Amino acid sequence: MADDTLAPPEIRRRNQDRSPVSVDTLWHDGTLPALVRANVPGTDLAAWIGAHRAEVERLGHEAGAVLFRGFAVDDADDFERVMTILANGGLPYGERSSPRSEVIPGIYTSTEHPADQPIVLHNEQSYTTDWPLHIVFHCHTEPTQGGRTPLADSRRVLARLRPETVAEFERRGVRYVRNYVPGLSLAWQEAFGTESREEVEAYGRRADIAVEWIGEDQLRTSQVRPAVRQHPVTGVRTWFNHALFFHATSLPAEVRDGLLSALDEADLPYHTYYGDGGRIEEPVLAELRAAYEAEARSFAWRQGDVLMVENMLAAHGREPFEGPRRILTAMATPFSTLESRI
């Protein structure tokens, strides 16, 4: 994985331009993220975005992600102001797959996942029929060590895959099987935001999710989604799925082995297959991992950073970390396949 400390000196020098706000890149090859840097202390990010909305949109579509650095974004309230200008505020977090805490309406903590474990690169909520086109992060507290948020251009990931691999996924799709098991995963009540089984079943009918109740406490769901999507604005094809992220082999070995020693595969909290139920072959999983790894880029967080990720154009993850780390997140710009039928 590449990181911004390897950026060539001429790139770093250009980023020190003393104009009020400079636009550049962390990378000599133009890969993500684009960098928008405030060179004057106290520069208001919400105001700057409001005056340069078309440029922000262009940078996002071209680079896949935009890092805003050096602006006066100190806390959740400042971040909320940015989100209000950027995308008319943050969205509720529906059909959840990870624990988060809501700080203020529409602003959440980043995934509350054990600090010593990585989070695999993924596109937010790609397993749903409704997802945010943007996911935005704010660094409130820099991690002491590690804790970067790696990014990978999903268009370039797709281009790295063998045509026969892409064709197989396009023909068969991806099946996501989830089990909501007390003590092992999110409770279904938290994931779906309700205490009512009837409401979960109604949601499943609307969102094309098979719902199965097992015993008193366990819910199993299954849904088939495409592996490749077309961006609704740019029209570009992109690798947009959770096929690798939810696959049991992406868990740390000790966690995976512990689960499989106690559970049947059918009861795992998360697992993926081809859409027809066939197993995704290990060489294919290795190919996916290699493509993500080849395209991964990362940078060290600085307090006040805001990172806007074009969710359909770039995957994101998280490195393990030590010490305090507080990254806030918001999802924005809802998109529904039920309405658009792309």
Protein backbone atom coordinates (compact mmCIF):
# COMPACT_ATOMS: atom_id res chain seq x y z
CA MET A 1 0.00 0.00 0.00
CA ALA A 2 1.32 3.42 -0.94
CA ASP A 3 1.17 6.38 1.43
CA ASP A 4 1.58 10.13 1.03
CA THR A 5 4.99 10.25 2.71
CA LEU A 6 6.32 8.83 -0.58
CA ALA A 7 4.98 11.71 -2.67
CA PRO A 8 7.82 13.26 -4.69
CA PRO A 9 9.32 16.56 -3.42
CA GLU A 10 7.88 18.63 -6.26
CA ILE A 11 4.35 17.62 -5.24
CA ARG A 12 5.00 18.58 -1.61
CA ARG A 13 6.46 21.91 -2.71
CA ARG A 14 3.43 22.76 -4.82
CA ASN A 15 1.20 21.99 -1.84
CA GLN A 16 2.98 24.76 0.09
CA ASP A 17 1.67 27.44 -2.26
CA ARG A 18 0.66 30.50 -0.20
CA SER A 19 -2.51 31.33 -2.13
CA PRO A 20 -5.52 31.22 0.24
CA VAL A 21 -6.58 27.77 -0.99
CA SER A 22 -4.56 25.51 -3.27
CA VAL A 23 -5.78 22.49 -5.22
CA ASP A 24 -3.34 19.69 -5.93
CA THR A 25 -2.81 15.99 -5.41
CA LEU A 26 -0.85 13.88 -2.97
CA TRP A 27 0.37 11.70 -5.84
CA HIS A 28 2.49 12.38 -8.89
CA ASP A 29 0.31 10.03 -10.96
CA GLY A 30 -2.89 11.88 -10.07
CA THR A 31 -4.45 9.05 -8.09
CA LEU A 32 -6.75 9.71 -5.17
CA PRO A 33 -7.27 11.73 -3.15
CA ALA A 34 -7.24 15.19 -4.64
CA LEU A 35 -5.92 17.68 -2.08
CA VAL A 36 -7.58 21.02 -1.30
CA ARG A 37 -5.41 22.87 1.19
CA ALA A 38 -6.18 26.06 3.11
CA ASN A 39 -3.01 28.10 3.43
CA VAL A 40 -4.56 30.81 5.62
CA PRO A 41 -5.42 29.82 9.22
CA GLY A 42 -9.11 29.96 10.06
CA THR A 43 -10.36 29.48 6.50
CA ASP A 44 -14.03 28.41 6.59
CA LEU A 45 -14.48 25.12 4.72
CA ALA A 46 -18.28 25.34 4.49
CA ALA A 47 -18.04 28.79 2.92
CA TRP A 48 -15.32 27.69 0.50
CA ILE A 49 -17.33 24.66 -0.65
CA GLY A 50 -20.42 26.83 -1.06
CA ALA A 51 -18.48 29.12 -3.40
CA HIS A 52 -16.76 26.28 -5.30
CA ARG A 53 -19.40 23.55 -5.45
CA ALA A 54 -18.86 22.73 -9.14
CA GLU A 55 -15.11 22.39 -8.61
CA VAL A 56 -15.61 20.10 -5.61
CA GLU A 57 -17.96 17.92 -7.65
CA ARG A 58 -15.49 17.78 -10.53
CA LEU A 59 -12.59 16.85 -8.25
CA GLY A 60 -14.66 14.13 -6.63
CA HIS A 61 -15.70 12.59 -9.93
CA GLU A 62 -12.20 12.75 -11.38
CA ALA A 63 -10.16 11.63 -8.36
CA GLY A 64 -12.72 9.57 -6.46
CA ALA A 65 -11.97 11.33 -3.17
CA VAL A 66 -11.06 14.83 -1.99
CA LEU A 67 -9.02 15.64 1.14
CA PHE A 68 -9.66 19.10 2.61
CA ARG A 69 -6.75 20.06 4.87
CA GLY A 70 -5.90 23.11 6.95
CA PHE A 71 -9.45 24.46 7.23
CA ALA A 72 -11.12 25.48 10.50
CA VAL A 73 -13.10 22.31 11.25
CA ASP A 74 -12.64 21.71 14.95
CA ASP A 75 -15.61 19.69 16.18
CA ALA A 76 -18.86 17.91 15.28
CA ASP A 77 -20.76 21.19 14.95
CA ASP A 78 -18.24 22.52 12.42
CA PHE A 79 -18.45 19.22 10.55
CA GLU A 80 -22.24 19.41 10.52
CA ARG A 81 -22.00 22.87 8.91
CA VAL A 82 -19.76 21.42 6.22
CA MET A 83 -22.21 18.59 5.58
CA THR A 84 -25.13 21.02 5.36
CA ILE A 85 -23.37 22.97 2.60
CA LEU A 86 -21.84 19.93 0.91
CA ALA A 87 -24.90 17.70 0.75
CA ASN A 88 -27.77 19.23 2.70
CA GLY A 89 -26.76 17.30 5.82
CA GLY A 90 -26.01 13.70 6.72
CA LEU A 91 -28.25 10.66 6.24
CA PRO A 92 -29.52 8.17 8.81
CA TYR A 93 -27.49 4.94 8.90
CA GLY A 94 -29.86 2.20 7.71
CA GLU A 95 -29.46 -1.57 7.22
CA ARG A 96 -26.41 -1.37 9.45
CA SER A 97 -23.44 -3.70 9.30
CA SER A 98 -21.21 -2.13 11.94
CA PRO A 99 -21.64 -0.45 15.33
CA ARG A 100 -21.57 3.35 15.36
CA SER A 101 -22.70 6.01 17.80
CA GLU A 102 -24.67 9.04 16.63
CA VAL A 103 -22.93 12.18 17.89
CA ILE A 104 -25.50 14.67 16.57
CA PRO A 105 -28.22 13.97 14.00
CA GLY A 106 -26.58 12.67 10.83
CA ILE A 107 -23.05 12.66 12.31
CA TYR A 108 -21.67 9.36 13.60
CA THR A 109 -18.49 7.95 15.01
CA SER A 110 -16.57 5.87 12.49
CA THR A 111 -16.95 2.11 12.87
CA GLU A 112 -16.42 1.07 16.47
CA HIS A 113 -14.30 -1.92 15.53
CA PRO A 114 -11.48 -3.31 17.74
CA ALA A 115 -8.46 -1.03 17.38
CA ASP A 116 -6.04 -3.91 16.76
CA GLN A 117 -7.96 -5.23 13.73
CA PRO A 118 -7.99 -3.78 10.20
CA ILE A 119 -11.16 -3.00 8.29
CA VAL A 120 -11.03 -4.35 4.74
CA LEU A 121 -11.53 -1.95 1.84
CA HIS A 122 -15.20 -1.64 0.88
CA ASN A 123 -17.83 0.69 -0.59
CA GLU A 124 -20.36 1.80 2.00
CA GLN A 125 -23.67 -0.12 1.89
CA SER A 126 -23.03 -1.61 -1.56
CA TYR A 127 -25.01 -4.66 -0.41
CA THR A 128 -28.23 -2.61 -0.21
CA THR A 129 -30.65 -1.21 -2.78
CA ASP A 130 -30.15 2.30 -1.35
CA TRP A 131 -26.76 3.74 -0.58
CA PRO A 132 -25.03 7.12 -0.14
CA LEU A 133 -23.12 8.51 -3.08
CA HIS A 134 -20.84 10.26 -0.59
CA ILE A 135 -19.27 9.24 2.69
CA VAL A 136 -17.40 12.02 4.47
CA PHE A 137 -14.92 11.77 7.34
CA HIS A 138 -13.63 14.34 9.82
CA CYS A 139 -10.52 13.89 11.94
CA HIS A 140 -11.31 15.21 15.40
CA THR A 141 -8.39 13.46 17.13
CA GLU A 142 -5.35 12.14 15.28
CA PRO A 143 -4.42 8.54 16.10
CA THR A 144 -1.21 8.11 18.07
CA GLN A 145 -0.03 5.39 15.72
CA GLY A 146 -1.58 3.83 12.60
CA GLY A 147 -5.29 4.33 12.05
CA ARG A 148 -5.09 5.59 8.49
CA THR A 149 -8.12 5.31 6.21
CA PRO A 150 -6.82 3.62 3.05
CA LEU A 151 -8.59 4.33 -0.23
CA ALA A 152 -8.73 2.44 -3.54
CA ASP A 153 -10.18 3.70 -6.81
CA SER A 154 -13.00 1.25 -7.61
CA ARG A 155 -12.71 1.98 -11.33
CA ARG A 156 -9.06 0.96 -11.28
CA VAL A 157 -9.82 -2.10 -9.15
CA LEU A 158 -12.31 -3.21 -11.80
CA ALA A 159 -9.75 -2.64 -14.56
CA ARG A 160 -7.22 -4.87 -12.75
CA LEU A 161 -9.53 -7.87 -12.63
CA ARG A 162 -9.43 -10.50 -15.38
CA PRO A 163 -12.28 -10.09 -17.88
CA GLU A 164 -13.43 -13.64 -17.14
CA THR A 165 -13.64 -12.85 -13.40
CA VAL A 166 -15.72 -9.75 -14.05
CA ALA A 167 -17.95 -11.62 -16.50
CA GLU A 168 -18.61 -14.39 -13.97
CA PHE A 169 -19.62 -11.92 -11.28
CA GLU A 170 -21.76 -9.97 -13.73
CA ARG A 171 -23.52 -13.16 -14.78
CA ARG A 172 -24.05 -14.54 -11.28
CA GLY A 173 -24.02 -11.53 -8.94
CA VAL A 174 -23.10 -11.65 -5.25
CA ARG A 175 -25.20 -13.30 -2.54
CA TYR A 176 -24.88 -11.82 0.95
CA VAL A 177 -25.91 -14.05 3.84
CA ARG A 178 -26.10 -12.42 7.26
CA ASN A 179 -27.00 -13.84 10.65
CA TYR A 180 -27.98 -11.52 13.47
CA VAL A 181 -26.93 -13.61 16.46
CA PRO A 182 -26.96 -12.15 19.98
CA GLY A 183 -23.40 -11.75 21.24
CA LEU A 184 -21.79 -12.37 17.83
CA SER A 185 -23.04 -9.59 15.60
CA LEU A 186 -25.28 -6.55 15.59
CA ALA A 187 -28.71 -7.29 16.96
CA TRP A 188 -31.35 -7.17 14.24
CA GLN A 189 -33.11 -4.47 16.25
CA GLU A 190 -30.07 -2.20 15.89
CA ALA A 191 -29.37 -3.10 12.28
CA PHE A 192 -32.91 -2.35 11.12
CA GLY A 193 -33.79 0.29 13.71
CA THR A 194 -36.93 -1.40 14.97
CA GLU A 195 -38.19 -3.82 17.62
CA SER A 196 -40.86 -5.19 15.27
CA ARG A 197 -40.38 -8.42 13.32
CA GLU A 198 -43.22 -7.36 11.05
CA GLU A 199 -41.38 -4.17 10.13
CA VAL A 200 -38.24 -6.15 9.32
CA GLU A 201 -40.26 -8.47 7.09
CA ALA A 202 -41.89 -5.51 5.34
CA TYR A 203 -38.47 -3.94 4.78
CA GLY A 204 -37.26 -7.22 3.32
CA ARG A 205 -40.11 -7.28 0.81
CA ARG A 206 -39.38 -3.71 -0.27
CA ALA A 207 -35.62 -4.24 -0.53
CA ASP A 208 -35.64 -7.75 -2.05
CA ILE A 209 -34.18 -9.42 1.05
CA ALA A 210 -35.15 -12.95 2.08
CA VAL A 211 -35.93 -12.97 5.81
CA GLU A 212 -35.81 -16.12 7.97
CA TRP A 213 -36.39 -16.27 11.73
CA ILE A 214 -34.47 -19.02 13.51
CA GLY A 215 -35.52 -19.80 17.06
CA GLU A 216 -36.30 -16.98 19.44
CA ASP A 217 -33.43 -14.62 18.76
CA GLN A 218 -31.70 -15.29 15.43
CA LEU A 219 -32.48 -13.58 12.13
CA ARG A 220 -30.96 -14.77 8.85
CA THR A 221 -31.16 -12.66 5.73
CA SER A 222 -30.05 -13.29 2.15
CA GLN A 223 -29.90 -10.86 -0.75
CA VAL A 224 -28.41 -10.92 -4.24
CA ARG A 225 -26.88 -7.79 -5.69
CA PRO A 226 -24.76 -6.91 -8.75
CA ALA A 227 -20.98 -6.81 -8.40
CA VAL A 228 -20.53 -4.02 -10.96
CA ARG A 229 -22.55 -0.81 -10.98
CA GLN A 230 -22.77 2.24 -13.24
CA HIS A 231 -22.28 5.63 -11.62
CA PRO A 232 -25.52 7.62 -12.02
CA VAL A 233 -23.73 10.88 -12.88
CA THR A 234 -20.55 9.94 -14.75
CA GLY A 235 -21.87 6.71 -16.28
CA VAL A 236 -18.59 4.92 -15.52
CA ARG A 237 -18.62 1.24 -14.55
CA THR A 238 -17.18 0.51 -11.14
CA TRP A 239 -16.44 -2.48 -8.87
CA PHE A 240 -19.06 -1.84 -6.20
CA ASN A 241 -19.81 -4.69 -3.81
CA HIS A 242 -19.02 -6.33 -0.47
CA ALA A 243 -18.01 -9.70 -1.98
CA LEU A 244 -14.60 -9.67 -0.32
CA PHE A 245 -15.44 -7.56 2.72
CA PHE A 246 -18.20 -9.87 3.98
CA HIS A 247 -16.43 -13.09 2.99
CA ALA A 248 -15.40 -15.12 6.04
CA THR A 249 -11.80 -15.34 4.81
CA SER A 250 -11.46 -11.59 5.31
CA LEU A 251 -11.76 -12.03 9.07
CA PRO A 252 -8.58 -12.34 11.14
CA ALA A 253 -7.64 -16.03 11.15
CA GLU A 254 -8.15 -16.47 14.88
CA VAL A 255 -11.61 -14.89 14.71
CA ARG A 256 -12.65 -16.92 11.68
CA ASP A 257 -11.38 -20.19 13.14
CA GLY A 258 -13.10 -19.47 16.43
CA LEU A 259 -16.42 -18.82 14.71
CA LEU A 260 -16.20 -21.91 12.51
CA SER A 261 -15.36 -24.09 15.50
CA ALA A 262 -18.59 -22.97 17.17
CA LEU A 263 -20.93 -22.39 14.21
CA ASP A 264 -21.95 -23.96 10.95
CA GLU A 265 -21.01 -21.86 7.93
CA ALA A 266 -24.71 -21.09 7.41
CA ASP A 267 -24.78 -19.35 10.81
CA LEU A 268 -21.76 -17.07 10.34
CA PRO A 269 -22.52 -13.40 11.01
CA TYR A 270 -21.45 -12.55 7.43
CA HIS A 271 -20.54 -14.58 4.38
CA THR A 272 -20.70 -14.19 0.61
CA TYR A 273 -21.26 -16.47 -2.36
CA TYR A 274 -21.98 -16.08 -6.02
CA GLY A 275 -25.57 -15.03 -6.50
CA ASP A 276 -26.68 -18.59 -7.31
CA GLY A 277 -25.22 -19.84 -4.02
CA GLY A 278 -21.96 -21.20 -5.47
CA ARG A 279 -18.74 -20.72 -3.54
CA ILE A 280 -16.39 -17.94 -4.61
CA GLU A 281 -13.15 -19.75 -5.45
CA GLU A 282 -10.02 -19.02 -3.42
CA PRO A 283 -8.00 -17.95 -6.50
CA VAL A 284 -10.74 -15.40 -7.26
CA LEU A 285 -10.68 -14.10 -3.69
CA ALA A 286 -6.89 -13.80 -3.96
CA GLU A 287 -7.31 -11.88 -7.23
CA LEU A 288 -9.71 -9.45 -5.56
CA ARG A 289 -7.34 -8.91 -2.64
CA ALA A 290 -4.43 -8.27 -4.99
CA ALA A 291 -6.42 -5.71 -7.00
CA TYR A 292 -7.43 -3.78 -3.89
CA GLU A 293 -3.90 -3.90 -2.51
CA ALA A 294 -2.38 -2.65 -5.77
CA GLU A 295 -4.71 0.36 -5.82
CA ALA A 296 -4.66 1.20 -2.10
CA ARG A 297 -3.42 4.66 -1.11
CA SER A 298 -3.25 6.12 2.39
CA PHE A 299 -2.28 9.28 4.24
CA ALA A 300 -1.69 10.19 7.88
CA TRP A 301 -4.68 11.94 9.42
CA ARG A 302 -4.21 15.47 10.72
CA GLN A 303 -6.59 17.12 13.14
CA GLY A 304 -9.25 19.05 11.23
CA ASP A 305 -8.96 17.00 8.03
CA VAL A 306 -12.17 16.38 6.09
CA LEU A 307 -12.19 13.58 3.52
CA MET A 308 -15.01 13.36 0.98
CA VAL A 309 -15.20 9.95 -0.67
CA GLU A 310 -17.24 9.32 -3.81
CA ASN A 311 -18.68 6.08 -2.51
CA MET A 312 -19.27 4.44 -5.89
CA LEU A 313 -15.86 5.49 -7.19
CA ALA A 314 -13.62 4.71 -4.22
CA ALA A 315 -13.45 2.05 -1.53
CA HIS A 316 -12.28 2.86 1.99
CA GLY A 317 -11.02 0.88 4.98
CA ARG A 318 -9.13 1.35 8.23
CA GLU A 319 -5.72 0.36 9.52
CA PRO A 320 -5.21 -0.87 13.10
CA PHE A 321 -4.19 1.86 15.53
CA GLU A 322 -2.90 2.63 18.97
CA GLY A 323 -3.85 5.43 21.34
CA PRO A 324 -6.77 7.83 20.97
CA ARG A 325 -8.42 8.16 17.56
CA ARG A 326 -11.68 9.97 16.88
CA ILE A 327 -12.88 10.08 13.30
CA LEU A 328 -16.42 11.29 12.68
CA THR A 329 -18.37 10.29 9.60
CA ALA A 330 -21.50 11.23 7.70
CA MET A 331 -23.24 9.69 4.72
CA ALA A 332 -24.91 11.89 2.12
CA THR A 333 -26.59 12.08 -1.28
CA PRO A 334 -28.95 9.09 -1.23
CA PHE A 335 -29.31 6.91 -4.30
CA SER A 336 -31.90 4.17 -4.80
CA THR A 337 -31.86 1.42 -7.41
CA LEU A 338 -35.54 0.83 -6.67
CA GLU A 339 -36.25 4.23 -8.18
CA SER A 340 -33.59 4.44 -10.90
CA ARG A 341 -33.52 0.79 -11.99
CA ILE A 342 -29.92 1.02 -13.20
